[in-house]
Amino acid sequence: MIKEMNIGKSGVKAPQLVLGTFGMGGGTSWQDTTDNDQELVDFIRAAYDKGVWGLDTAPVYGTGRSEKIVGEAVKGRRENYYISTKCSLNWRSTEGTFTYTRDGYSVYNDFSAAAMTADVEESLARMDLDYIDLMIVHRTPAPELFPEVMDTMQKLKERGLIRAVGLSNVSLAADYEAAEKSLKACLNYGELDLLQEGSSLLKREYAEKTATFCREHGVTFQAHSSLEKGALAGKLIPEVTSWGGDNRSKYKWFQPDNIPKINALTKGLQEIAAGYNCSVPALCLAWMRSLGDNVNLLVGARHMESLTDTLTALDVVLKPEDIVKMNQLSDMTTGRKRQ
């Protein structure tokens, strides 16, 4: 059974493990996603029967498709779910900073009060919801923008449209010093309940420092991409390198020079996983959980077999000596020198 935990100081409860729906958006970002929305709706509902009652999405995941799927999946059962989505990235206008073009849409990053309020209202309409449990600011703003951003989030809470506030991708370059600067700026202007950040065994120093910072400030640390887009799943998917525009095609750990390193890492992790009778993915997720009680797992899955395996990570409690071994394997793979 998936236990619940507090989201920061908000009073909002969430499961320890949340199902991410980025991959369900499909398009060129995820080219192995089914085009059949009903299959994905059925999957989310089947996941609920497995105890998965937390969902994370965003407007730009499939430019609205992911949110629509989530909305359909929770229809008639909203009270059973914890739902988070995001704001600040939109394709309705050219205001803000151009971010990317994908599948015929140009997406802009806009942190203005008007834009973020419109994002929230559109997400509510798209999912047919009255409120969102957690609203995450997608792509963290420059420190000088936080007064307006956090004031906007507070007003949305006062309207009852959102219940908690989060940030995501504080440092896309995994630069802890830059991330800490942004987080401190945010905390100066309002309550931050959750940080959603790409973190894994292969980003261990950043993950460890960020988890500690969040714990010291009463913030939930939600780790996404903890399997490095599949590189830590115990096997590589070499065909993604031929999928132009796919979210994984140019990813660091899928490049030819890194495949031998990942294979060696996987072999070492398999030996440790055998001692827990679990898979390598479950072992890597258990490592993330070992960073503290404030760590929440955001996992992507579109097939019940992989989700079922993922859930076993919640029962794996790593021994200190195995954490040390995993840290050593990580450092060997990334070339990080131990202090």
C-alpha atoms as a PDB file:
ATOM      1  CA  MET A   1       0.000   0.000   0.000  1.00  0.00           C
ATOM      2  CA  ILE A   2       1.297   3.463  -0.903  1.00  0.00           C
ATOM      3  CA  LYS A   3       1.554   5.596   2.225  1.00  0.00           C
ATOM      4  CA  GLU A   4       0.612   9.243   2.259  1.00  0.00           C
ATOM      5  CA  MET A   5       2.829  12.153   3.174  1.00  0.00           C
ATOM      6  CA  ASN A   6       2.549  15.888   3.750  1.00  0.00           C
ATOM      7  CA  ILE A   7       3.296  18.278   0.897  1.00  0.00           C
ATOM      8  CA  GLY A   8       5.451  20.888   2.567  1.00  0.00           C
ATOM      9  CA  LYS A   9       3.550  22.920   5.151  1.00  0.00           C
ATOM     10  CA  SER A  10       0.381  23.185   3.036  1.00  0.00           C
ATOM     11  CA  GLY A  11      -1.718  20.580   4.795  1.00  0.00           C
ATOM     12  CA  VAL A  12      -2.202  18.820   1.447  1.00  0.00           C
ATOM     13  CA  LYS A  13      -1.686  15.063   1.556  1.00  0.00           C
ATOM     14  CA  ALA A  14      -0.161  13.107  -1.319  1.00  0.00           C
ATOM     15  CA  PRO A  15       0.997   9.535  -1.874  1.00  0.00           C
ATOM     16  CA  GLN A  16       4.706   8.747  -1.541  1.00  0.00           C
ATOM     17  CA  LEU A  17       4.718   7.859  -5.224  1.00  0.00           C
ATOM     18  CA  VAL A  18       2.979   9.902  -7.923  1.00  0.00           C
ATOM     19  CA  LEU A  19       2.328   8.821 -11.516  1.00  0.00           C
ATOM     20  CA  GLY A  20       3.714  11.269 -14.067  1.00  0.00           C
ATOM     21  CA  THR A  21       1.918  11.670 -17.377  1.00  0.00           C
ATOM     22  CA  PHE A  22       4.561  13.412 -19.502  1.00  0.00           C
ATOM     23  CA  GLY A  23       4.941  10.338 -21.705  1.00  0.00           C
ATOM     24  CA  MET A  24       1.183  10.100 -22.183  1.00  0.00           C
ATOM     25  CA  GLY A  25       1.258  13.388 -24.062  1.00  0.00           C
ATOM     26  CA  GLY A  26       2.896  11.586 -26.980  1.00  0.00           C
ATOM     27  CA  GLY A  27       3.797  13.499 -30.119  1.00  0.00           C
ATOM     28  CA  THR A  28       7.431  13.697 -31.137  1.00  0.00           C
ATOM     29  CA  SER A  29       8.421  13.965 -27.456  1.00  0.00           C
ATOM     30  CA  TRP A  30       7.406  10.370 -26.769  1.00  0.00           C
ATOM     31  CA  GLN A  31       7.026   8.479 -30.018  1.00  0.00           C
ATOM     32  CA  ASP A  32       6.221   5.115 -28.446  1.00  0.00           C
ATOM     33  CA  THR A  33       3.022   6.363 -26.780  1.00  0.00           C
ATOM     34  CA  THR A  34      -0.301   5.001 -28.013  1.00  0.00           C
ATOM     35  CA  ASP A  35      -2.567   7.321 -29.978  1.00  0.00           C
ATOM     36  CA  ASN A  36      -5.560   5.781 -28.219  1.00  0.00           C
ATOM     37  CA  ASP A  37      -6.580   8.110 -25.367  1.00  0.00           C
ATOM     38  CA  GLN A  38      -8.963   5.536 -23.907  1.00  0.00           C
ATOM     39  CA  GLU A  39      -6.111   3.069 -23.394  1.00  0.00           C
ATOM     40  CA  LEU A  40      -4.304   5.639 -21.285  1.00  0.00           C
ATOM     41  CA  VAL A  41      -7.457   6.552 -19.358  1.00  0.00           C
ATOM     42  CA  ASP A  42      -7.959   2.857 -18.619  1.00  0.00           C
ATOM     43  CA  PHE A  43      -4.333   2.562 -17.525  1.00  0.00           C
ATOM     44  CA  ILE A  44      -4.664   5.431 -15.032  1.00  0.00           C
ATOM     45  CA  ARG A  45      -7.818   3.854 -13.617  1.00  0.00           C
ATOM     46  CA  ALA A  46      -6.131   0.447 -13.383  1.00  0.00           C
ATOM     47  CA  ALA A  47      -3.202   2.122 -11.625  1.00  0.00           C
ATOM     48  CA  TYR A  48      -5.633   3.474  -9.037  1.00  0.00           C
ATOM     49  CA  ASP A  49      -6.701  -0.095  -8.329  1.00  0.00           C
ATOM     50  CA  LYS A  50      -3.020  -0.779  -7.570  1.00  0.00           C
ATOM     51  CA  GLY A  51      -3.040   2.043  -5.022  1.00  0.00           C
ATOM     52  CA  VAL A  52      -1.698   4.826  -7.259  1.00  0.00           C
ATOM     53  CA  TRP A  53      -3.863   7.847  -6.410  1.00  0.00           C
ATOM     54  CA  GLY A  54      -1.464  10.681  -7.289  1.00  0.00           C
ATOM     55  CA  LEU A  55      -1.190  12.168 -10.786  1.00  0.00           C
ATOM     56  CA  ASP A  56       1.131  14.820 -12.189  1.00  0.00           C
ATOM     57  CA  THR A  57       0.660  16.530 -15.530  1.00  0.00           C
ATOM     58  CA  ALA A  58       1.254  19.855 -17.334  1.00  0.00           C
ATOM     59  CA  PRO A  59      -0.453  21.858 -20.089  1.00  0.00           C
ATOM     60  CA  VAL A  60       2.499  21.416 -22.468  1.00  0.00           C
ATOM     61  CA  TYR A  61       2.578  17.619 -22.194  1.00  0.00           C
ATOM     62  CA  GLY A  62       1.208  16.884 -25.639  1.00  0.00           C
ATOM     63  CA  THR A  63      -0.090  20.501 -25.734  1.00  0.00           C
ATOM     64  CA  GLY A  64      -3.153  19.686 -23.690  1.00  0.00           C
ATOM     65  CA  ARG A  65      -3.499  15.974 -24.390  1.00  0.00           C
ATOM     66  CA  SER A  66      -2.056  14.769 -21.093  1.00  0.00           C
ATOM     67  CA  GLU A  67      -4.324  17.039 -19.037  1.00  0.00           C
ATOM     68  CA  LYS A  68      -7.396  15.950 -20.999  1.00  0.00           C
ATOM     69  CA  ILE A  69      -6.525  12.294 -20.383  1.00  0.00           C
ATOM     70  CA  VAL A  70      -6.107  12.961 -16.651  1.00  0.00           C
ATOM     71  CA  GLY A  71      -9.401  14.818 -16.522  1.00  0.00           C
ATOM     72  CA  GLU A  72     -11.235  11.965 -18.201  1.00  0.00           C
ATOM     73  CA  ALA A  73      -9.591   9.374 -15.972  1.00  0.00           C
ATOM     74  CA  VAL A  74     -10.645  11.088 -12.716  1.00  0.00           C
ATOM     75  CA  LYS A  75     -14.144  12.047 -13.855  1.00  0.00           C
ATOM     76  CA  GLY A  76     -16.658  11.123 -11.183  1.00  0.00           C
ATOM     77  CA  ARG A  77     -13.916  10.252  -8.693  1.00  0.00           C
ATOM     78  CA  ARG A  78     -12.028  13.520  -8.196  1.00  0.00           C
ATOM     79  CA  GLU A  79     -12.133  13.250  -4.394  1.00  0.00           C
ATOM     80  CA  ASN A  80     -10.014  10.080  -4.583  1.00  0.00           C
ATOM     81  CA  TYR A  81      -7.039  11.769  -6.232  1.00  0.00           C
ATOM     82  CA  TYR A  82      -4.134  14.084  -5.571  1.00  0.00           C
ATOM     83  CA  ILE A  83      -3.503  16.053  -8.793  1.00  0.00           C
ATOM     84  CA  SER A  84      -0.686  18.424  -9.674  1.00  0.00           C
ATOM     85  CA  THR A  85      -0.119  20.376 -12.851  1.00  0.00           C
ATOM     86  CA  LYS A  86       1.975  23.345 -13.938  1.00  0.00           C
ATOM     87  CA  CYS A  87       1.943  26.905 -15.222  1.00  0.00           C
ATOM     88  CA  SER A  88       4.184  29.458 -16.991  1.00  0.00           C
ATOM     89  CA  LEU A  89       4.599  27.565 -20.297  1.00  0.00           C
ATOM     90  CA  ASN A  90       1.871  28.185 -22.888  1.00  0.00           C
ATOM     91  CA  TRP A  91       1.225  28.254 -26.624  1.00  0.00           C
ATOM     92  CA  ARG A  92      -1.757  30.618 -26.743  1.00  0.00           C
ATOM     93  CA  SER A  93       0.294  33.796 -27.407  1.00  0.00           C
ATOM     94  CA  THR A  94       3.797  35.047 -28.165  1.00  0.00           C
ATOM     95  CA  GLU A  95       4.146  36.927 -24.867  1.00  0.00           C
ATOM     96  CA  GLY A  96       7.107  35.985 -22.708  1.00  0.00           C
ATOM     97  CA  THR A  97      10.251  34.151 -23.776  1.00  0.00           C
ATOM     98  CA  PHE A  98      10.223  31.759 -26.718  1.00  0.00           C
ATOM     99  CA  THR A  99      11.144  28.281 -25.451  1.00  0.00           C
ATOM    100  CA  TYR A 100      10.634  25.742 -28.240  1.00  0.00           C
ATOM    101  CA  THR A 101       8.532  24.665 -31.212  1.00  0.00           C
ATOM    102  CA  ARG A 102       7.122  21.159 -31.246  1.00  0.00           C
ATOM    103  CA  ASP A 103       4.393  19.426 -33.233  1.00  0.00           C
ATOM    104  CA  GLY A 104       3.258  22.680 -34.811  1.00  0.00           C
ATOM    105  CA  TYR A 105       3.088  24.690 -31.587  1.00  0.00           C
ATOM    106  CA  SER A 106       5.414  27.450 -30.390  1.00  0.00           C
ATOM    107  CA  VAL A 107       5.709  27.492 -26.606  1.00  0.00           C
ATOM    108  CA  TYR A 108       6.545  30.597 -24.576  1.00  0.00           C
ATOM    109  CA  ASN A 109       7.660  30.938 -20.963  1.00  0.00           C
ATOM    110  CA  ASP A 110       5.609  33.704 -19.337  1.00  0.00           C
ATOM    111  CA  PHE A 111       5.792  34.402 -15.599  1.00  0.00           C
ATOM    112  CA  SER A 112       3.407  37.356 -15.570  1.00  0.00           C
ATOM    113  CA  ALA A 113       0.407  37.265 -13.238  1.00  0.00           C
ATOM    114  CA  ALA A 114      -2.025  37.408 -16.152  1.00  0.00           C
ATOM    115  CA  ALA A 115      -0.345  34.530 -18.000  1.00  0.00           C
ATOM    116  CA  MET A 116      -0.040  32.205 -15.011  1.00  0.00           C
ATOM    117  CA  THR A 117      -3.611  32.895 -13.928  1.00  0.00           C
ATOM    118  CA  ALA A 118      -4.788  32.066 -17.450  1.00  0.00           C
ATOM    119  CA  ASP A 119      -2.697  28.865 -17.361  1.00  0.00           C
ATOM    120  CA  VAL A 120      -4.418  27.745 -14.169  1.00  0.00           C
ATOM    121  CA  GLU A 121      -7.898  28.579 -15.405  1.00  0.00           C
ATOM    122  CA  GLU A 122      -7.281  26.770 -18.701  1.00  0.00           C
ATOM    123  CA  SER A 123      -5.952  23.684 -16.904  1.00  0.00           C
ATOM    124  CA  LEU A 124      -9.026  23.571 -14.681  1.00  0.00           C
ATOM    125  CA  ALA A 125     -11.269  23.795 -17.744  1.00  0.00           C
ATOM    126  CA  ARG A 126      -9.245  21.219 -19.677  1.00  0.00           C
ATOM    127  CA  MET A 127      -9.457  18.693 -16.823  1.00  0.00           C
ATOM    128  CA  ASP A 128     -12.961  19.765 -15.754  1.00  0.00           C
ATOM    129  CA  LEU A 129     -11.839  20.332 -12.159  1.00  0.00           C
ATOM    130  CA  ASP A 130     -12.832  22.849  -9.486  1.00  0.00           C
ATOM    131  CA  TYR A 131      -9.362  22.975  -7.902  1.00  0.00           C
ATOM    132  CA  ILE A 132      -5.817  21.653  -8.280  1.00  0.00           C
ATOM    133  CA  ASP A 133      -4.015  20.202  -5.272  1.00  0.00           C
ATOM    134  CA  LEU A 134      -0.564  21.469  -6.254  1.00  0.00           C
ATOM    135  CA  MET A 135       0.331  24.116  -8.846  1.00  0.00           C
ATOM    136  CA  ILE A 136       3.948  23.935  -9.961  1.00  0.00           C
ATOM    137  CA  VAL A 137       5.704  26.837 -11.651  1.00  0.00           C
ATOM    138  CA  HIS A 138       7.224  25.182 -14.730  1.00  0.00           C
ATOM    139  CA  ARG A 139      10.791  26.345 -15.408  1.00  0.00           C
ATOM    140  CA  THR A 140      11.811  28.430 -12.413  1.00  0.00           C
ATOM    141  CA  PRO A 141      11.905  32.232 -12.978  1.00  0.00           C
ATOM    142  CA  ALA A 142      14.824  34.577 -12.383  1.00  0.00           C
ATOM    143  CA  PRO A 143      15.068  35.623  -8.710  1.00  0.00           C
ATOM    144  CA  GLU A 144      13.783  39.156  -9.414  1.00  0.00           C
ATOM    145  CA  LEU A 145      10.502  37.730 -10.757  1.00  0.00           C
ATOM    146  CA  PHE A 146       9.574  35.861  -7.592  1.00  0.00           C
ATOM    147  CA  PRO A 147       7.618  38.728  -5.955  1.00  0.00           C
ATOM    148  CA  GLU A 148       5.033  38.679  -8.764  1.00  0.00           C
ATOM    149  CA  VAL A 149       5.110  34.892  -9.155  1.00  0.00           C
ATOM    150  CA  MET A 150       4.526  34.118  -5.481  1.00  0.00           C
ATOM    151  CA  ASP A 151       1.923  36.884  -5.110  1.00  0.00           C
ATOM    152  CA  THR A 152       0.039  35.330  -8.019  1.00  0.00           C
ATOM    153  CA  MET A 153       0.189  31.878  -6.426  1.00  0.00           C
ATOM    154  CA  GLN A 154      -1.129  33.277  -3.140  1.00  0.00           C
ATOM    155  CA  LYS A 155      -4.071  34.941  -4.890  1.00  0.00           C
ATOM    156  CA  LEU A 156      -4.882  31.684  -6.697  1.00  0.00           C
ATOM    157  CA  LYS A 157      -4.903  29.923  -3.315  1.00  0.00           C
ATOM    158  CA  GLU A 158      -7.213  32.588  -1.888  1.00  0.00           C
ATOM    159  CA  ARG A 159      -9.613  31.962  -4.793  1.00  0.00           C
ATOM    160  CA  GLY A 160      -9.602  28.252  -3.950  1.00  0.00           C
ATOM    161  CA  LEU A 161      -8.225  27.277  -7.359  1.00  0.00           C
ATOM    162  CA  ILE A 162      -5.010  25.743  -6.004  1.00  0.00           C
ATOM    163  CA  ARG A 163      -4.047  24.399  -2.589  1.00  0.00           C
ATOM    164  CA  ALA A 164      -0.251  24.272  -2.622  1.00  0.00           C
ATOM    165  CA  VAL A 165       2.668  25.762  -4.562  1.00  0.00           C
ATOM    166  CA  GLY A 166       5.680  24.118  -6.153  1.00  0.00           C
ATOM    167  CA  LEU A 167       8.634  24.829  -8.418  1.00  0.00           C
ATOM    168  CA  SER A 168      10.170  22.597 -11.056  1.00  0.00           C
ATOM    169  CA  ASN A 169      13.495  22.432 -12.834  1.00  0.00           C
ATOM    170  CA  VAL A 170      15.177  25.002 -10.634  1.00  0.00           C
ATOM    171  CA  SER A 171      18.475  24.153 -12.263  1.00  0.00           C
ATOM    172  CA  LEU A 172      18.330  22.268 -15.542  1.00  0.00           C
ATOM    173  CA  ALA A 173      22.112  22.093 -15.468  1.00  0.00           C
ATOM    174  CA  ALA A 174      22.062  20.442 -12.031  1.00  0.00           C
ATOM    175  CA  ASP A 175      24.061  23.344 -10.593  1.00  0.00           C
ATOM    176  CA  TYR A 176      23.320  23.232  -6.884  1.00  0.00           C
ATOM    177  CA  GLU A 177      24.561  26.747  -6.119  1.00  0.00           C
ATOM    178  CA  ALA A 178      22.246  28.268  -8.742  1.00  0.00           C
ATOM    179  CA  ALA A 179      19.375  26.154  -7.476  1.00  0.00           C
ATOM    180  CA  GLU A 180      19.920  27.220  -3.871  1.00  0.00           C
ATOM    181  CA  LYS A 181      19.956  30.883  -4.911  1.00  0.00           C
ATOM    182  CA  SER A 182      16.601  30.482  -6.668  1.00  0.00           C
ATOM    183  CA  LEU A 183      15.070  28.560  -3.801  1.00  0.00           C
ATOM    184  CA  LYS A 184      16.120  31.144  -1.236  1.00  0.00           C
ATOM    185  CA  ALA A 185      14.708  33.929  -3.416  1.00  0.00           C
ATOM    186  CA  CYS A 186      11.416  32.079  -3.677  1.00  0.00           C
ATOM    187  CA  LEU A 187      11.184  31.491   0.080  1.00  0.00           C
ATOM    188  CA  ASN A 188      11.603  35.233   0.669  1.00  0.00           C
ATOM    189  CA  TYR A 189       8.250  35.930  -1.006  1.00  0.00           C
ATOM    190  CA  GLY A 190       5.925  33.107  -0.044  1.00  0.00           C
ATOM    191  CA  GLU A 191       5.440  29.542   1.061  1.00  0.00           C
ATOM    192  CA  LEU A 192       7.024  26.903  -1.147  1.00  0.00           C
ATOM    193  CA  ASP A 193       5.573  23.450  -0.575  1.00  0.00           C
ATOM    194  CA  LEU A 194       7.351  21.277  -3.127  1.00  0.00           C
ATOM    195  CA  LEU A 195      10.361  21.239  -5.420  1.00  0.00           C
ATOM    196  CA  GLN A 196      10.053  18.949  -8.447  1.00  0.00           C
ATOM    197  CA  GLU A 197      13.518  18.272  -9.791  1.00  0.00           C
ATOM    198  CA  GLY A 198      15.255  15.776 -12.057  1.00  0.00           C
ATOM    199  CA  SER A 199      17.366  13.692  -9.676  1.00  0.00           C
ATOM    200  CA  SER A 200      18.899  10.261  -9.740  1.00  0.00           C
ATOM    201  CA  LEU A 201      21.801   8.107  -8.657  1.00  0.00           C
ATOM    202  CA  LEU A 202      23.718   9.602 -11.602  1.00  0.00           C
ATOM    203  CA  LYS A 203      23.161  13.103 -10.179  1.00  0.00           C
ATOM    204  CA  ARG A 204      23.791  12.001  -6.652  1.00  0.00           C
ATOM    205  CA  GLU A 205      25.649  15.003  -5.214  1.00  0.00           C
ATOM    206  CA  TYR A 206      23.012  17.403  -6.495  1.00  0.00           C
ATOM    207  CA  ALA A 207      20.232  15.102  -5.265  1.00  0.00           C
ATOM    208  CA  GLU A 208      21.774  14.788  -1.810  1.00  0.00           C
ATOM    209  CA  LYS A 209      22.308  18.527  -1.363  1.00  0.00           C
ATOM    210  CA  THR A 210      18.867  19.453  -2.680  1.00  0.00           C
ATOM    211  CA  ALA A 211      17.113  16.898  -0.483  1.00  0.00           C
ATOM    212  CA  THR A 212      18.932  18.323   2.543  1.00  0.00           C
ATOM    213  CA  PHE A 213      18.053  21.932   1.660  1.00  0.00           C
ATOM    214  CA  CYS A 214      14.394  21.026   1.203  1.00  0.00           C
ATOM    215  CA  ARG A 215      14.250  19.121   4.484  1.00  0.00           C
ATOM    216  CA  GLU A 216      15.788  22.060   6.365  1.00  0.00           C
ATOM    217  CA  HIS A 217      13.148  24.419   4.938  1.00  0.00           C
ATOM    218  CA  GLY A 218      10.072  22.190   5.261  1.00  0.00           C
ATOM    219  CA  VAL A 219       9.780  21.586   1.507  1.00  0.00           C
ATOM    220  CA  THR A 220       8.870  18.280  -0.122  1.00  0.00           C
ATOM    221  CA  PHE A 221      11.502  17.138  -2.627  1.00  0.00           C
ATOM    222  CA  GLN A 222       9.797  15.375  -5.543  1.00  0.00           C
ATOM    223  CA  ALA A 223      12.308  13.574  -7.745  1.00  0.00           C
ATOM    224  CA  HIS A 224      11.511  12.979 -11.398  1.00  0.00           C
ATOM    225  CA  SER A 225      13.556  11.218 -14.112  1.00  0.00           C
ATOM    226  CA  SER A 226      15.137   9.035 -11.428  1.00  0.00           C
ATOM    227  CA  LEU A 227      15.705   6.292 -14.004  1.00  0.00           C
ATOM    228  CA  GLU A 228      17.359   8.778 -16.393  1.00  0.00           C
ATOM    229  CA  LYS A 229      14.734   8.339 -19.105  1.00  0.00           C
ATOM    230  CA  GLY A 230      15.267   4.569 -19.065  1.00  0.00           C
ATOM    231  CA  ALA A 231      19.067   4.434 -18.890  1.00  0.00           C
ATOM    232  CA  LEU A 232      18.795   3.077 -15.317  1.00  0.00           C
ATOM    233  CA  ALA A 233      16.019   0.660 -16.191  1.00  0.00           C
ATOM    234  CA  GLY A 234      18.486  -2.192 -16.510  1.00  0.00           C
ATOM    235  CA  LYS A 235      18.546  -2.019 -20.289  1.00  0.00           C
ATOM    236  CA  LEU A 236      19.067   0.644 -22.912  1.00  0.00           C
ATOM    237  CA  ILE A 237      16.732   1.545 -25.748  1.00  0.00           C
ATOM    238  CA  PRO A 238      19.186   2.249 -28.590  1.00  0.00           C
ATOM    239  CA  GLU A 239      16.426   2.816 -31.106  1.00  0.00           C
ATOM    240  CA  VAL A 240      15.519   6.142 -29.505  1.00  0.00           C
ATOM    241  CA  THR A 241      18.628   7.690 -31.046  1.00  0.00           C
ATOM    242  CA  SER A 242      16.949   7.365 -34.436  1.00  0.00           C
ATOM    243  CA  TRP A 243      13.724   9.083 -33.344  1.00  0.00           C
ATOM    244  CA  GLY A 244      14.222  12.680 -34.385  1.00  0.00           C
ATOM    245  CA  GLY A 245      12.873  15.045 -31.732  1.00  0.00           C
ATOM    246  CA  ASP A 246      12.048  12.313 -29.207  1.00  0.00           C
ATOM    247  CA  ASN A 247      12.570  13.434 -25.618  1.00  0.00           C
ATOM    248  CA  ARG A 248      15.291  10.795 -25.216  1.00  0.00           C
ATOM    249  CA  SER A 249      17.052  10.820 -28.604  1.00  0.00           C
ATOM    250  CA  LYS A 250      19.870  13.216 -27.719  1.00  0.00           C
ATOM    251  CA  TYR A 251      19.992  12.402 -24.038  1.00  0.00           C
ATOM    252  CA  LYS A 252      23.477  12.108 -22.523  1.00  0.00           C
ATOM    253  CA  TRP A 253      23.269   8.528 -21.298  1.00  0.00           C
ATOM    254  CA  PHE A 254      21.953   7.151 -24.606  1.00  0.00           C
ATOM    255  CA  GLN A 255      24.941   8.372 -26.574  1.00  0.00           C
ATOM    256  CA  PRO A 256      27.390   5.721 -27.930  1.00  0.00           C
ATOM    257  CA  ASP A 257      30.323   6.820 -25.747  1.00  0.00           C
ATOM    258  CA  ASN A 258      28.263   6.385 -22.587  1.00  0.00           C
ATOM    259  CA  ILE A 259      26.612   3.052 -23.347  1.00  0.00           C
ATOM    260  CA  PRO A 260      29.588   0.987 -22.051  1.00  0.00           C
ATOM    261  CA  LYS A 261      29.560   3.038 -18.836  1.00  0.00           C
ATOM    262  CA  ILE A 262      25.840   2.439 -18.324  1.00  0.00           C
ATOM    263  CA  ASN A 263      26.224  -1.262 -19.040  1.00  0.00           C
ATOM    264  CA  ALA A 264      28.981  -1.525 -16.423  1.00  0.00           C
ATOM    265  CA  LEU A 265      26.863   0.406 -13.920  1.00  0.00           C
ATOM    266  CA  THR A 266      23.876  -1.816 -14.604  1.00  0.00           C
ATOM    267  CA  LYS A 267      25.945  -4.944 -13.991  1.00  0.00           C
ATOM    268  CA  GLY A 268      27.077  -3.631 -10.627  1.00  0.00           C
ATOM    269  CA  LEU A 269      23.556  -2.583  -9.652  1.00  0.00           C
ATOM    270  CA  GLN A 270      22.171  -5.986 -10.630  1.00  0.00           C
ATOM    271  CA  GLU A 271      24.455  -7.633  -8.092  1.00  0.00           C
ATOM    272  CA  ILE A 272      23.144  -5.354  -5.344  1.00  0.00           C
ATOM    273  CA  ALA A 273      19.518  -5.702  -6.464  1.00  0.00           C
ATOM    274  CA  ALA A 274      19.784  -9.484  -6.244  1.00  0.00           C
ATOM    275  CA  GLY A 275      20.265  -9.147  -2.498  1.00  0.00           C
ATOM    276  CA  TYR A 276      16.867  -7.459  -2.229  1.00  0.00           C
ATOM    277  CA  ASN A 277      15.125  -9.639  -4.802  1.00  0.00           C
ATOM    278  CA  CYS A 278      14.214  -6.534  -6.751  1.00  0.00           C
ATOM    279  CA  SER A 279      14.917  -5.012 -10.151  1.00  0.00           C
ATOM    280  CA  VAL A 280      17.547  -2.387 -10.936  1.00  0.00           C
ATOM    281  CA  PRO A 281      14.857   0.308 -11.449  1.00  0.00           C
ATOM    282  CA  ALA A 282      13.333  -0.475  -8.041  1.00  0.00           C
ATOM    283  CA  LEU A 283      16.799  -0.351  -6.472  1.00  0.00           C
ATOM    284  CA  CYS A 284      17.512   3.079  -7.984  1.00  0.00           C
ATOM    285  CA  LEU A 285      14.180   4.441  -6.785  1.00  0.00           C
ATOM    286  CA  ALA A 286      14.864   3.035  -3.317  1.00  0.00           C
ATOM    287  CA  TRP A 287      18.156   4.967  -3.374  1.00  0.00           C
ATOM    288  CA  MET A 288      16.224   8.187  -3.980  1.00  0.00           C
ATOM    289  CA  ARG A 289      13.915   7.390  -1.054  1.00  0.00           C
ATOM    290  CA  SER A 290      16.956   6.819   1.162  1.00  0.00           C
ATOM    291  CA  LEU A 291      17.713  10.561   0.935  1.00  0.00           C
ATOM    292  CA  GLY A 292      14.995  11.372   3.463  1.00  0.00           C
ATOM    293  CA  ASP A 293      11.366  11.200   4.540  1.00  0.00           C
ATOM    294  CA  ASN A 294      10.634  14.379   2.608  1.00  0.00           C
ATOM    295  CA  VAL A 295      11.425  12.694  -0.732  1.00  0.00           C
ATOM    296  CA  ASN A 296       8.496  11.968  -3.032  1.00  0.00           C
ATOM    297  CA  LEU A 297       8.875   9.819  -6.156  1.00  0.00           C
ATOM    298  CA  LEU A 298       7.442  10.982  -9.480  1.00  0.00           C
ATOM    299  CA  VAL A 299       7.502   8.037 -11.869  1.00  0.00           C
ATOM    300  CA  GLY A 300       6.459   7.652 -15.473  1.00  0.00           C
ATOM    301  CA  ALA A 301       4.745   4.499 -16.689  1.00  0.00           C
ATOM    302  CA  ARG A 302       2.364   3.550 -19.477  1.00  0.00           C
ATOM    303  CA  HIS A 303       2.337  -0.197 -18.993  1.00  0.00           C
ATOM    304  CA  MET A 304       1.159  -2.087 -15.920  1.00  0.00           C
ATOM    305  CA  GLU A 305       4.169  -4.387 -15.877  1.00  0.00           C
ATOM    306  CA  SER A 306       6.610  -1.517 -15.388  1.00  0.00           C
ATOM    307  CA  LEU A 307       4.348   0.252 -12.880  1.00  0.00           C
ATOM    308  CA  THR A 308       3.975  -2.909 -10.804  1.00  0.00           C
ATOM    309  CA  ASP A 309       7.739  -3.278 -10.722  1.00  0.00           C
ATOM    310  CA  THR A 310       8.159   0.381  -9.760  1.00  0.00           C
ATOM    311  CA  LEU A 311       5.858  -0.025  -6.797  1.00  0.00           C
ATOM    312  CA  THR A 312       8.167  -2.643  -5.277  1.00  0.00           C
ATOM    313  CA  ALA A 313      10.668   0.182  -4.627  1.00  0.00           C
ATOM    314  CA  LEU A 314       8.463   1.335  -1.744  1.00  0.00           C
ATOM    315  CA  ASP A 315       9.243  -1.897   0.117  1.00  0.00           C
ATOM    316  CA  VAL A 316      13.018  -1.812  -0.392  1.00  0.00           C
ATOM    317  CA  VAL A 317      14.990  -0.415   2.563  1.00  0.00           C
ATOM    318  CA  LEU A 318      18.646  -0.152   1.611  1.00  0.00           C
ATOM    319  CA  LYS A 319      21.424  -1.124   3.981  1.00  0.00           C
ATOM    320  CA  PRO A 320      24.026   1.608   4.606  1.00  0.00           C
ATOM    321  CA  GLU A 321      26.782  -0.487   3.061  1.00  0.00           C
ATOM    322  CA  ASP A 322      24.761  -0.942  -0.142  1.00  0.00           C
ATOM    323  CA  ILE A 323      24.138   2.797  -0.380  1.00  0.00           C
ATOM    324  CA  VAL A 324      27.916   3.264  -0.214  1.00  0.00           C
ATOM    325  CA  LYS A 325      28.392   0.704  -2.997  1.00  0.00           C
ATOM    326  CA  MET A 326      25.786   2.434  -5.162  1.00  0.00           C
ATOM    327  CA  ASN A 327      27.437   5.796  -4.571  1.00  0.00           C
ATOM    328  CA  GLN A 328      30.783   4.345  -5.642  1.00  0.00           C
ATOM    329  CA  LEU A 329      29.269   2.888  -8.820  1.00  0.00           C
ATOM    330  CA  SER A 330      27.686   6.247  -9.588  1.00  0.00           C
ATOM    331  CA  ASP A 331      30.982   8.085  -9.133  1.00  0.00           C
ATOM    332  CA  MET A 332      32.774   5.620 -11.407  1.00  0.00           C
ATOM    333  CA  THR A 333      30.151   6.161 -14.103  1.00  0.00           C
ATOM    334  CA  THR A 334      30.049   9.949 -13.939  1.00  0.00           C
ATOM    335  CA  GLY A 335      33.771  10.412 -13.304  1.00  0.00           C
ATOM    336  CA  ARG A 336      33.116  12.261 -10.065  1.00  0.00           C
ATOM    337  CA  LYS A 337      36.036  12.224  -7.665  1.00  0.00           C
ATOM    338  CA  ARG A 338      35.114  11.258  -4.139  1.00  0.00           C
ATOM    339  CA  GLN A 339      35.860  13.896  -1.523  1.00  0.00           C
END
